[in-house]
């Protein structure tokens, strides 16, 4: 067990000699052994398989040693994955795959990895796509705005077009339980398509399950075609009716077997 002198809120009575933390140290399966090494916070810093394969994890005080800053296969820095986090919520801000570099508008403005910025409520404020060319640091920016009207909460993602100076957007409207009720896409004040989702009570979930999801359509359309799901008393899917209103897939349950019959009346069973 590795010691960390600067870890916050750590009981100093549990040092490197403590072996009663409950962390897995060795996992054996036929033909494979995985050895895991943790620091005193319980965070993994190294795994290997006794066959020359390993992954080392570097952490730092910025996340109180709980989240990985780098993941390096066999300790090779050229193959490592890097990560940076929001200083308030510790949500991922930028993750750089091998060959990429972390992006930060203040400290690393030439980074090539994607970037996510958060507002004071911890919501996504904007994202930057990874760099698409060698001459630019980042790709397109998508800005997120939030609405809290009595008719439904909305989340709108707006991205500027590459040419022409205009932008396109996607707006998701949530119901009172936070489920997606509709998704609209368009540009400017023009709605190009909409897809709606309705939910029904279900025995297996207090939030219900998806009952019907429409195909994307151009509003207004009072009865857009959609896929309809039917469930049994245990919340298992028993029928999926496709948007054409005729084709459907049925599910039959008997003991440990499930029989699925597709629209072509081809049945298959699985245990």
C-alpha atoms as a PDB file:
ATOM      1  CA  UNK A   1       0.000   0.000   0.000  1.00  0.00           C
ATOM      2  CA  UNK A   2       1.360   3.411  -0.978  1.00  0.00           C
ATOM      3  CA  UNK A   3       1.383   6.272   1.513  1.00  0.00           C
ATOM      4  CA  UNK A   4       0.147   9.800   0.696  1.00  0.00           C
ATOM      5  CA  UNK A   5       1.199  12.436   3.152  1.00  0.00           C
ATOM      6  CA  UNK A   6      -0.982  15.201   1.681  1.00  0.00           C
ATOM      7  CA  UNK A   7      -4.289  13.310   1.343  1.00  0.00           C
ATOM      8  CA  UNK A   8      -7.114  15.239   3.014  1.00  0.00           C
ATOM      9  CA  UNK A   9      -9.372  13.798   5.741  1.00  0.00           C
ATOM     10  CA  UNK A  10      -7.428  10.576   5.973  1.00  0.00           C
ATOM     11  CA  UNK A  11      -7.301   8.733   9.277  1.00  0.00           C
ATOM     12  CA  UNK A  12      -3.595   8.541  10.073  1.00  0.00           C
ATOM     13  CA  UNK A  13      -4.311   5.451  12.148  1.00  0.00           C
ATOM     14  CA  UNK A  14      -4.656   3.566   8.864  1.00  0.00           C
ATOM     15  CA  UNK A  15      -1.207   3.544   7.320  1.00  0.00           C
ATOM     16  CA  UNK A  16       0.604   1.417   4.760  1.00  0.00           C
ATOM     17  CA  UNK A  17       0.635  -1.549   7.112  1.00  0.00           C
ATOM     18  CA  UNK A  18      -3.160  -1.726   7.335  1.00  0.00           C
ATOM     19  CA  UNK A  19      -4.487  -4.738   5.433  1.00  0.00           C
ATOM     20  CA  UNK A  20      -8.138  -4.605   6.515  1.00  0.00           C
ATOM     21  CA  UNK A  21      -9.376  -1.980   4.047  1.00  0.00           C
ATOM     22  CA  UNK A  22     -11.296  -4.476   1.913  1.00  0.00           C
ATOM     23  CA  UNK A  23      -9.513  -3.622  -1.345  1.00  0.00           C
ATOM     24  CA  UNK A  24      -8.971  -6.414  -3.863  1.00  0.00           C
ATOM     25  CA  UNK A  25      -5.259  -7.146  -4.169  1.00  0.00           C
ATOM     26  CA  UNK A  26      -5.269 -10.297  -6.321  1.00  0.00           C
ATOM     27  CA  UNK A  27      -7.938 -11.690  -8.623  1.00  0.00           C
ATOM     28  CA  UNK A  28      -7.437 -15.173 -10.066  1.00  0.00           C
ATOM     29  CA  UNK A  29      -9.410 -16.585 -12.974  1.00  0.00           C
ATOM     30  CA  UNK A  30      -8.492 -19.554 -15.182  1.00  0.00           C
ATOM     31  CA  UNK A  31      -5.426 -18.528 -17.150  1.00  0.00           C
ATOM     32  CA  UNK A  32      -5.164 -15.046 -15.714  1.00  0.00           C
ATOM     33  CA  UNK A  33      -4.078 -13.260 -12.553  1.00  0.00           C
ATOM     34  CA  UNK A  34      -4.630  -9.551 -11.920  1.00  0.00           C
ATOM     35  CA  UNK A  35      -2.615  -7.861  -9.170  1.00  0.00           C
ATOM     36  CA  UNK A  36      -3.947  -4.532  -7.897  1.00  0.00           C
ATOM     37  CA  UNK A  37      -2.023  -2.011  -5.803  1.00  0.00           C
ATOM     38  CA  UNK A  38      -3.772   0.798  -3.919  1.00  0.00           C
ATOM     39  CA  UNK A  39      -2.707   3.853  -1.975  1.00  0.00           C
ATOM     40  CA  UNK A  40      -4.000   4.616   1.525  1.00  0.00           C
ATOM     41  CA  UNK A  41      -7.157   6.277   0.105  1.00  0.00           C
ATOM     42  CA  UNK A  42      -8.125   3.038  -1.659  1.00  0.00           C
ATOM     43  CA  UNK A  43      -7.380   4.438  -5.124  1.00  0.00           C
ATOM     44  CA  UNK A  44      -5.701   2.041  -7.555  1.00  0.00           C
ATOM     45  CA  UNK A  45      -2.266   3.202  -8.731  1.00  0.00           C
ATOM     46  CA  UNK A  46      -1.018   0.044 -10.485  1.00  0.00           C
ATOM     47  CA  UNK A  47      -2.356  -3.173 -12.003  1.00  0.00           C
ATOM     48  CA  UNK A  48      -0.443  -5.993 -13.676  1.00  0.00           C
ATOM     49  CA  UNK A  49      -1.018  -9.563 -14.813  1.00  0.00           C
ATOM     50  CA  UNK A  50       2.351 -11.177 -14.021  1.00  0.00           C
ATOM     51  CA  UNK A  51       2.964 -11.444 -17.779  1.00  0.00           C
ATOM     52  CA  UNK A  52       4.654  -8.127 -18.449  1.00  0.00           C
ATOM     53  CA  UNK A  53       1.427  -6.152 -18.925  1.00  0.00           C
ATOM     54  CA  UNK A  54       0.600  -3.319 -16.558  1.00  0.00           C
ATOM     55  CA  UNK A  55      -1.246  -0.032 -16.244  1.00  0.00           C
ATOM     56  CA  UNK A  56       0.031   2.667 -13.926  1.00  0.00           C
ATOM     57  CA  UNK A  57      -2.270   5.391 -12.624  1.00  0.00           C
ATOM     58  CA  UNK A  58      -1.042   8.803 -11.524  1.00  0.00           C
ATOM     59  CA  UNK A  59      -3.197  10.918  -9.195  1.00  0.00           C
ATOM     60  CA  UNK A  60      -2.692  14.314  -7.573  1.00  0.00           C
ATOM     61  CA  UNK A  61      -3.854  16.528  -4.725  1.00  0.00           C
ATOM     62  CA  UNK A  62      -6.088  18.468  -7.172  1.00  0.00           C
ATOM     63  CA  UNK A  63      -8.672  15.664  -6.831  1.00  0.00           C
ATOM     64  CA  UNK A  64      -7.482  14.490  -3.406  1.00  0.00           C
ATOM     65  CA  UNK A  65      -5.881  11.498  -5.146  1.00  0.00           C
ATOM     66  CA  UNK A  66      -9.265  10.010  -6.129  1.00  0.00           C
ATOM     67  CA  UNK A  67      -9.264  10.461  -9.926  1.00  0.00           C
ATOM     68  CA  UNK A  68      -6.612   9.526 -12.495  1.00  0.00           C
ATOM     69  CA  UNK A  69      -4.459  12.247 -14.029  1.00  0.00           C
ATOM     70  CA  UNK A  70      -2.748   9.756 -16.345  1.00  0.00           C
ATOM     71  CA  UNK A  71      -3.184   6.113 -17.343  1.00  0.00           C
ATOM     72  CA  UNK A  72       0.009   4.660 -18.782  1.00  0.00           C
ATOM     73  CA  UNK A  73       0.110   1.121 -20.279  1.00  0.00           C
ATOM     74  CA  UNK A  74       3.369  -0.531 -19.230  1.00  0.00           C
ATOM     75  CA  UNK A  75       4.488   2.878 -18.009  1.00  0.00           C
ATOM     76  CA  UNK A  76       4.861   4.136 -21.598  1.00  0.00           C
ATOM     77  CA  UNK A  77       4.196   7.886 -21.661  1.00  0.00           C
ATOM     78  CA  UNK A  78       3.654   7.950 -25.439  1.00  0.00           C
ATOM     79  CA  UNK A  79       0.624   5.668 -24.976  1.00  0.00           C
ATOM     80  CA  UNK A  80      -0.793   7.347 -21.895  1.00  0.00           C
ATOM     81  CA  UNK A  81      -4.239   8.880 -21.529  1.00  0.00           C
ATOM     82  CA  UNK A  82      -4.387  12.175 -19.644  1.00  0.00           C
ATOM     83  CA  UNK A  83      -7.300  13.813 -17.831  1.00  0.00           C
ATOM     84  CA  UNK A  84      -8.048  17.201 -16.278  1.00  0.00           C
ATOM     85  CA  UNK A  85     -11.005  18.081 -14.079  1.00  0.00           C
ATOM     86  CA  UNK A  86     -13.223  20.986 -13.115  1.00  0.00           C
ATOM     87  CA  UNK A  87     -11.840  22.408  -9.888  1.00  0.00           C
ATOM     88  CA  UNK A  88     -15.272  22.734  -8.216  1.00  0.00           C
ATOM     89  CA  UNK A  89     -17.253  19.631  -9.212  1.00  0.00           C
ATOM     90  CA  UNK A  90     -14.283  17.457 -10.282  1.00  0.00           C
ATOM     91  CA  UNK A  91     -16.247  16.570 -13.420  1.00  0.00           C
ATOM     92  CA  UNK A  92     -14.004  15.758 -16.417  1.00  0.00           C
ATOM     93  CA  UNK A  93     -12.930  18.908 -18.264  1.00  0.00           C
ATOM     94  CA  UNK A  94     -10.559  17.429 -20.840  1.00  0.00           C
ATOM     95  CA  UNK A  95      -9.438  13.887 -21.647  1.00  0.00           C
ATOM     96  CA  UNK A  96      -6.506  13.448 -24.027  1.00  0.00           C
ATOM     97  CA  UNK A  97      -5.981  10.131 -25.779  1.00  0.00           C
ATOM     98  CA  UNK A  98      -2.501   9.045 -26.901  1.00  0.00           C
ATOM     99  CA  UNK A  99      -1.230  11.591 -29.411  1.00  0.00           C
ATOM    100  CA  UNK A 100      -3.432  14.371 -28.041  1.00  0.00           C
ATOM    101  CA  UNK A 101      -2.705  17.082 -25.493  1.00  0.00           C
ATOM    102  CA  UNK A 102      -4.989  18.446 -22.798  1.00  0.00           C
ATOM    103  CA  UNK A 103      -6.844  21.660 -23.594  1.00  0.00           C
ATOM    104  CA  UNK A 104      -7.442  24.443 -21.089  1.00  0.00           C
ATOM    105  CA  UNK A 105      -8.371  27.979 -22.207  1.00  0.00           C
ATOM    106  CA  UNK A 106      -6.174  29.520 -19.496  1.00  0.00           C
ATOM    107  CA  UNK A 107      -3.204  27.211 -19.095  1.00  0.00           C
ATOM    108  CA  UNK A 108      -3.089  25.055 -22.254  1.00  0.00           C
ATOM    109  CA  UNK A 109      -4.755  26.997 -25.104  1.00  0.00           C
ATOM    110  CA  UNK A 110      -2.911  24.951 -27.738  1.00  0.00           C
ATOM    111  CA  UNK A 111      -4.218  21.593 -26.541  1.00  0.00           C
ATOM    112  CA  UNK A 112      -5.871  19.339 -29.123  1.00  0.00           C
ATOM    113  CA  UNK A 113      -8.252  17.285 -26.925  1.00  0.00           C
ATOM    114  CA  UNK A 114     -11.938  18.018 -26.390  1.00  0.00           C
ATOM    115  CA  UNK A 115     -12.868  20.370 -23.565  1.00  0.00           C
ATOM    116  CA  UNK A 116     -15.939  20.861 -21.360  1.00  0.00           C
ATOM    117  CA  UNK A 117     -16.649  23.995 -19.333  1.00  0.00           C
ATOM    118  CA  UNK A 118     -19.171  24.079 -16.469  1.00  0.00           C
ATOM    119  CA  UNK A 119     -21.220  26.873 -14.959  1.00  0.00           C
ATOM    120  CA  UNK A 120     -21.527  27.699 -11.259  1.00  0.00           C
ATOM    121  CA  UNK A 121     -24.324  25.120 -10.883  1.00  0.00           C
ATOM    122  CA  UNK A 122     -22.169  22.322 -12.275  1.00  0.00           C
ATOM    123  CA  UNK A 123     -24.081  22.211 -15.573  1.00  0.00           C
ATOM    124  CA  UNK A 124     -22.272  22.012 -18.888  1.00  0.00           C
ATOM    125  CA  UNK A 125     -21.777  25.577 -20.175  1.00  0.00           C
ATOM    126  CA  UNK A 126     -20.017  24.753 -23.442  1.00  0.00           C
ATOM    127  CA  UNK A 127     -17.942  22.072 -25.099  1.00  0.00           C
ATOM    128  CA  UNK A 128     -15.107  22.264 -27.595  1.00  0.00           C
ATOM    129  CA  UNK A 129     -14.678  19.425 -30.053  1.00  0.00           C
ATOM    130  CA  UNK A 130     -11.208  17.945 -30.584  1.00  0.00           C
ATOM    131  CA  UNK A 131      -8.947  19.639 -33.082  1.00  0.00           C
ATOM    132  CA  UNK A 132      -9.699  18.658 -36.679  1.00  0.00           C
ATOM    133  CA  UNK A 133      -6.558  20.145 -38.246  1.00  0.00           C
ATOM    134  CA  UNK A 134      -2.949  20.689 -37.286  1.00  0.00           C
ATOM    135  CA  UNK A 135      -3.375  24.454 -37.630  1.00  0.00           C
ATOM    136  CA  UNK A 136      -6.116  24.859 -34.992  1.00  0.00           C
ATOM    137  CA  UNK A 137      -6.149  23.949 -31.337  1.00  0.00           C
ATOM    138  CA  UNK A 138      -9.818  22.978 -31.003  1.00  0.00           C
ATOM    139  CA  UNK A 139     -12.848  22.196 -33.108  1.00  0.00           C
ATOM    140  CA  UNK A 140     -16.393  23.537 -33.035  1.00  0.00           C
ATOM    141  CA  UNK A 141     -17.871  25.047 -29.889  1.00  0.00           C
ATOM    142  CA  UNK A 142     -21.305  23.954 -28.645  1.00  0.00           C
ATOM    143  CA  UNK A 143     -23.008  26.212 -26.102  1.00  0.00           C
ATOM    144  CA  UNK A 144     -25.662  24.950 -23.677  1.00  0.00           C
ATOM    145  CA  UNK A 145     -28.553  27.013 -22.312  1.00  0.00           C
ATOM    146  CA  UNK A 146     -31.214  25.949 -19.838  1.00  0.00           C
ATOM    147  CA  UNK A 147     -34.857  26.914 -19.425  1.00  0.00           C
ATOM    148  CA  UNK A 148     -37.151  26.242 -16.466  1.00  0.00           C
ATOM    149  CA  UNK A 149     -40.660  27.142 -17.649  1.00  0.00           C
ATOM    150  CA  UNK A 150     -43.820  25.654 -16.139  1.00  0.00           C
ATOM    151  CA  UNK A 151     -44.494  23.894 -19.446  1.00  0.00           C
ATOM    152  CA  UNK A 152     -41.261  21.897 -19.173  1.00  0.00           C
ATOM    153  CA  UNK A 153     -37.558  22.245 -18.580  1.00  0.00           C
ATOM    154  CA  UNK A 154     -35.390  22.568 -21.671  1.00  0.00           C
ATOM    155  CA  UNK A 155     -31.737  22.046 -22.562  1.00  0.00           C
ATOM    156  CA  UNK A 156     -30.592  23.656 -25.809  1.00  0.00           C
ATOM    157  CA  UNK A 157     -27.257  22.884 -27.476  1.00  0.00           C
ATOM    158  CA  UNK A 158     -26.241  25.415 -30.132  1.00  0.00           C
ATOM    159  CA  UNK A 159     -23.318  24.994 -32.520  1.00  0.00           C
ATOM    160  CA  UNK A 160     -22.103  27.570 -35.032  1.00  0.00           C
ATOM    161  CA  UNK A 161     -21.992  26.396 -38.634  1.00  0.00           C
ATOM    162  CA  UNK A 162     -18.566  26.086 -40.208  1.00  0.00           C
ATOM    163  CA  UNK A 163     -19.545  28.562 -42.944  1.00  0.00           C
ATOM    164  CA  UNK A 164     -22.224  31.194 -43.438  1.00  0.00           C
ATOM    165  CA  UNK A 165     -22.169  32.579 -39.904  1.00  0.00           C
ATOM    166  CA  UNK A 166     -25.415  30.851 -38.848  1.00  0.00           C
ATOM    167  CA  UNK A 167     -25.888  28.110 -36.252  1.00  0.00           C
ATOM    168  CA  UNK A 168     -27.927  24.977 -35.662  1.00  0.00           C
ATOM    169  CA  UNK A 169     -29.406  23.708 -32.436  1.00  0.00           C
ATOM    170  CA  UNK A 170     -31.003  20.795 -30.628  1.00  0.00           C
ATOM    171  CA  UNK A 171     -33.515  21.366 -27.807  1.00  0.00           C
ATOM    172  CA  UNK A 172     -34.522  18.602 -25.410  1.00  0.00           C
ATOM    173  CA  UNK A 173     -37.673  19.142 -23.345  1.00  0.00           C
ATOM    174  CA  UNK A 174     -37.947  17.217 -20.069  1.00  0.00           C
ATOM    175  CA  UNK A 175     -41.093  16.219 -18.228  1.00  0.00           C
ATOM    176  CA  UNK A 176     -41.703  16.606 -14.502  1.00  0.00           C
ATOM    177  CA  UNK A 177     -39.626  13.498 -13.734  1.00  0.00           C
ATOM    178  CA  UNK A 178     -36.629  14.622 -15.773  1.00  0.00           C
ATOM    179  CA  UNK A 179     -37.336  12.243 -18.652  1.00  0.00           C
ATOM    180  CA  UNK A 180     -36.869  13.401 -22.236  1.00  0.00           C
ATOM    181  CA  UNK A 181     -40.318  14.219 -23.651  1.00  0.00           C
ATOM    182  CA  UNK A 182     -39.299  15.717 -26.992  1.00  0.00           C
ATOM    183  CA  UNK A 183     -36.214  16.626 -28.999  1.00  0.00           C
ATOM    184  CA  UNK A 184     -36.331  19.380 -31.614  1.00  0.00           C
ATOM    185  CA  UNK A 185     -33.598  20.218 -34.114  1.00  0.00           C
ATOM    186  CA  UNK A 186     -33.342  23.213 -36.386  1.00  0.00           C
ATOM    187  CA  UNK A 187     -31.585  26.468 -37.170  1.00  0.00           C
ATOM    188  CA  UNK A 188     -32.456  30.042 -36.291  1.00  0.00           C
ATOM    189  CA  UNK A 189     -36.201  30.082 -35.551  1.00  0.00           C
ATOM    190  CA  UNK A 190     -36.919  27.169 -37.911  1.00  0.00           C
ATOM    191  CA  UNK A 191     -37.713  23.740 -36.464  1.00  0.00           C
ATOM    192  CA  UNK A 192     -36.659  21.103 -38.974  1.00  0.00           C
ATOM    193  CA  UNK A 193     -37.535  17.960 -37.057  1.00  0.00           C
ATOM    194  CA  UNK A 194     -39.019  16.740 -33.793  1.00  0.00           C
ATOM    195  CA  UNK A 195     -39.156  13.374 -32.038  1.00  0.00           C
ATOM    196  CA  UNK A 196     -41.491  12.772 -29.087  1.00  0.00           C
ATOM    197  CA  UNK A 197     -41.395  10.187 -26.318  1.00  0.00           C
ATOM    198  CA  UNK A 198     -44.239   9.158 -24.027  1.00  0.00           C
ATOM    199  CA  UNK A 199     -44.048   6.977 -20.941  1.00  0.00           C
ATOM    200  CA  UNK A 200     -46.393   4.555 -19.190  1.00  0.00           C
ATOM    201  CA  UNK A 201     -46.539   3.112 -15.659  1.00  0.00           C
ATOM    202  CA  UNK A 202     -44.499  -0.028 -15.155  1.00  0.00           C
ATOM    203  CA  UNK A 203     -44.285  -2.465 -12.273  1.00  0.00           C
ATOM    204  CA  UNK A 204     -40.482  -2.583 -12.338  1.00  0.00           C
ATOM    205  CA  UNK A 205     -39.745   1.147 -12.179  1.00  0.00           C
ATOM    206  CA  UNK A 206     -41.228   4.067 -10.198  1.00  0.00           C
ATOM    207  CA  UNK A 207     -40.482   6.321 -13.181  1.00  0.00           C
ATOM    208  CA  UNK A 208     -42.300   4.098 -15.645  1.00  0.00           C
ATOM    209  CA  UNK A 209     -40.869   2.939 -18.965  1.00  0.00           C
ATOM    210  CA  UNK A 210     -40.915   4.267 -22.506  1.00  0.00           C
ATOM    211  CA  UNK A 211     -44.276   3.550 -24.100  1.00  0.00           C
ATOM    212  CA  UNK A 212     -43.991   5.224 -27.490  1.00  0.00           C
ATOM    213  CA  UNK A 213     -41.271   7.062 -29.396  1.00  0.00           C
ATOM    214  CA  UNK A 214     -42.170   8.856 -32.591  1.00  0.00           C
ATOM    215  CA  UNK A 215     -40.117   8.934 -35.736  1.00  0.00           C
ATOM    216  CA  UNK A 216     -38.512  12.325 -36.430  1.00  0.00           C
ATOM    217  CA  UNK A 217     -41.071  14.479 -38.199  1.00  0.00           C
ATOM    218  CA  UNK A 218     -41.475  18.036 -39.419  1.00  0.00           C
ATOM    219  CA  UNK A 219     -43.933  19.898 -37.141  1.00  0.00           C
ATOM    220  CA  UNK A 220     -46.805  20.345 -37.063  1.00  0.00           C
ATOM    221  CA  UNK A 221     -47.987  16.740 -37.138  1.00  0.00           C
ATOM    222  CA  UNK A 222     -50.671  15.718 -34.672  1.00  0.00           C
ATOM    223  CA  UNK A 223     -50.132  11.970 -35.142  1.00  0.00           C
ATOM    224  CA  UNK A 224     -46.572  11.180 -36.184  1.00  0.00           C
ATOM    225  CA  UNK A 225     -45.718   7.476 -36.643  1.00  0.00           C
ATOM    226  CA  UNK A 226     -43.815   5.881 -33.811  1.00  0.00           C
ATOM    227  CA  UNK A 227     -42.605   2.698 -32.150  1.00  0.00           C
ATOM    228  CA  UNK A 228     -44.834   1.368 -29.335  1.00  0.00           C
ATOM    229  CA  UNK A 229     -43.652  -0.862 -26.499  1.00  0.00           C
ATOM    230  CA  UNK A 230     -45.868  -3.156 -24.422  1.00  0.00           C
ATOM    231  CA  UNK A 231     -44.781  -4.684 -21.095  1.00  0.00           C
ATOM    232  CA  UNK A 232     -46.102  -7.472 -18.900  1.00  0.00           C
ATOM    233  CA  UNK A 233     -46.885  -7.245 -15.183  1.00  0.00           C
ATOM    234  CA  UNK A 234     -43.195  -7.734 -14.337  1.00  0.00           C
ATOM    235  CA  UNK A 235     -42.089  -4.913 -16.595  1.00  0.00           C
ATOM    236  CA  UNK A 236     -40.653  -7.192 -19.272  1.00  0.00           C
ATOM    237  CA  UNK A 237     -41.045  -6.244 -22.911  1.00  0.00           C
ATOM    238  CA  UNK A 238     -43.630  -8.474 -24.630  1.00  0.00           C
ATOM    239  CA  UNK A 239     -44.286  -6.566 -27.845  1.00  0.00           C
ATOM    240  CA  UNK A 240     -42.593  -3.859 -29.926  1.00  0.00           C
ATOM    241  CA  UNK A 241     -44.859  -2.428 -32.633  1.00  0.00           C
ATOM    242  CA  UNK A 242     -42.928  -0.578 -35.324  1.00  0.00           C
ATOM    243  CA  UNK A 243     -43.866   2.753 -36.859  1.00  0.00           C
ATOM    244  CA  UNK A 244     -45.664   1.184 -39.829  1.00  0.00           C
ATOM    245  CA  UNK A 245     -48.395  -0.013 -37.438  1.00  0.00           C
ATOM    246  CA  UNK A 246     -48.195  -3.629 -38.642  1.00  0.00           C
ATOM    247  CA  UNK A 247     -44.686  -5.020 -38.108  1.00  0.00           C
ATOM    248  CA  UNK A 248     -43.912  -6.103 -34.572  1.00  0.00           C
ATOM    249  CA  UNK A 249     -41.499  -8.171 -32.498  1.00  0.00           C
ATOM    250  CA  UNK A 250     -42.852 -10.309 -29.665  1.00  0.00           C
ATOM    251  CA  UNK A 251     -41.109 -11.644 -26.584  1.00  0.00           C
ATOM    252  CA  UNK A 252     -42.265 -14.770 -24.739  1.00  0.00           C
ATOM    253  CA  UNK A 253     -40.850 -15.826 -21.382  1.00  0.00           C
ATOM    254  CA  UNK A 254     -40.890 -19.367 -20.024  1.00  0.00           C
ATOM    255  CA  UNK A 255     -38.640 -20.308 -17.143  1.00  0.00           C
ATOM    256  CA  UNK A 256     -35.079 -19.356 -18.039  1.00  0.00           C
ATOM    257  CA  UNK A 257     -35.854 -19.087 -21.749  1.00  0.00           C
ATOM    258  CA  UNK A 258     -36.852 -16.057 -23.790  1.00  0.00           C
ATOM    259  CA  UNK A 259     -38.296 -16.526 -27.269  1.00  0.00           C
ATOM    260  CA  UNK A 260     -38.082 -13.582 -29.655  1.00  0.00           C
ATOM    261  CA  UNK A 261     -40.186 -13.549 -32.798  1.00  0.00           C
ATOM    262  CA  UNK A 262     -39.277 -10.834 -35.303  1.00  0.00           C
ATOM    263  CA  UNK A 263     -41.538  -9.235 -37.948  1.00  0.00           C
ATOM    264  CA  UNK A 264     -40.544 -11.940 -40.442  1.00  0.00           C
ATOM    265  CA  UNK A 265     -41.931 -14.540 -37.989  1.00  0.00           C
ATOM    266  CA  UNK A 266     -38.477 -15.935 -37.346  1.00  0.00           C
ATOM    267  CA  UNK A 267     -38.199 -17.134 -33.765  1.00  0.00           C
ATOM    268  CA  UNK A 268     -35.049 -17.491 -31.676  1.00  0.00           C
ATOM    269  CA  UNK A 269     -34.689 -18.635 -28.082  1.00  0.00           C
ATOM    270  CA  UNK A 270     -32.059 -17.820 -25.520  1.00  0.00           C
ATOM    271  CA  UNK A 271     -31.455 -18.868 -21.947  1.00  0.00           C
END
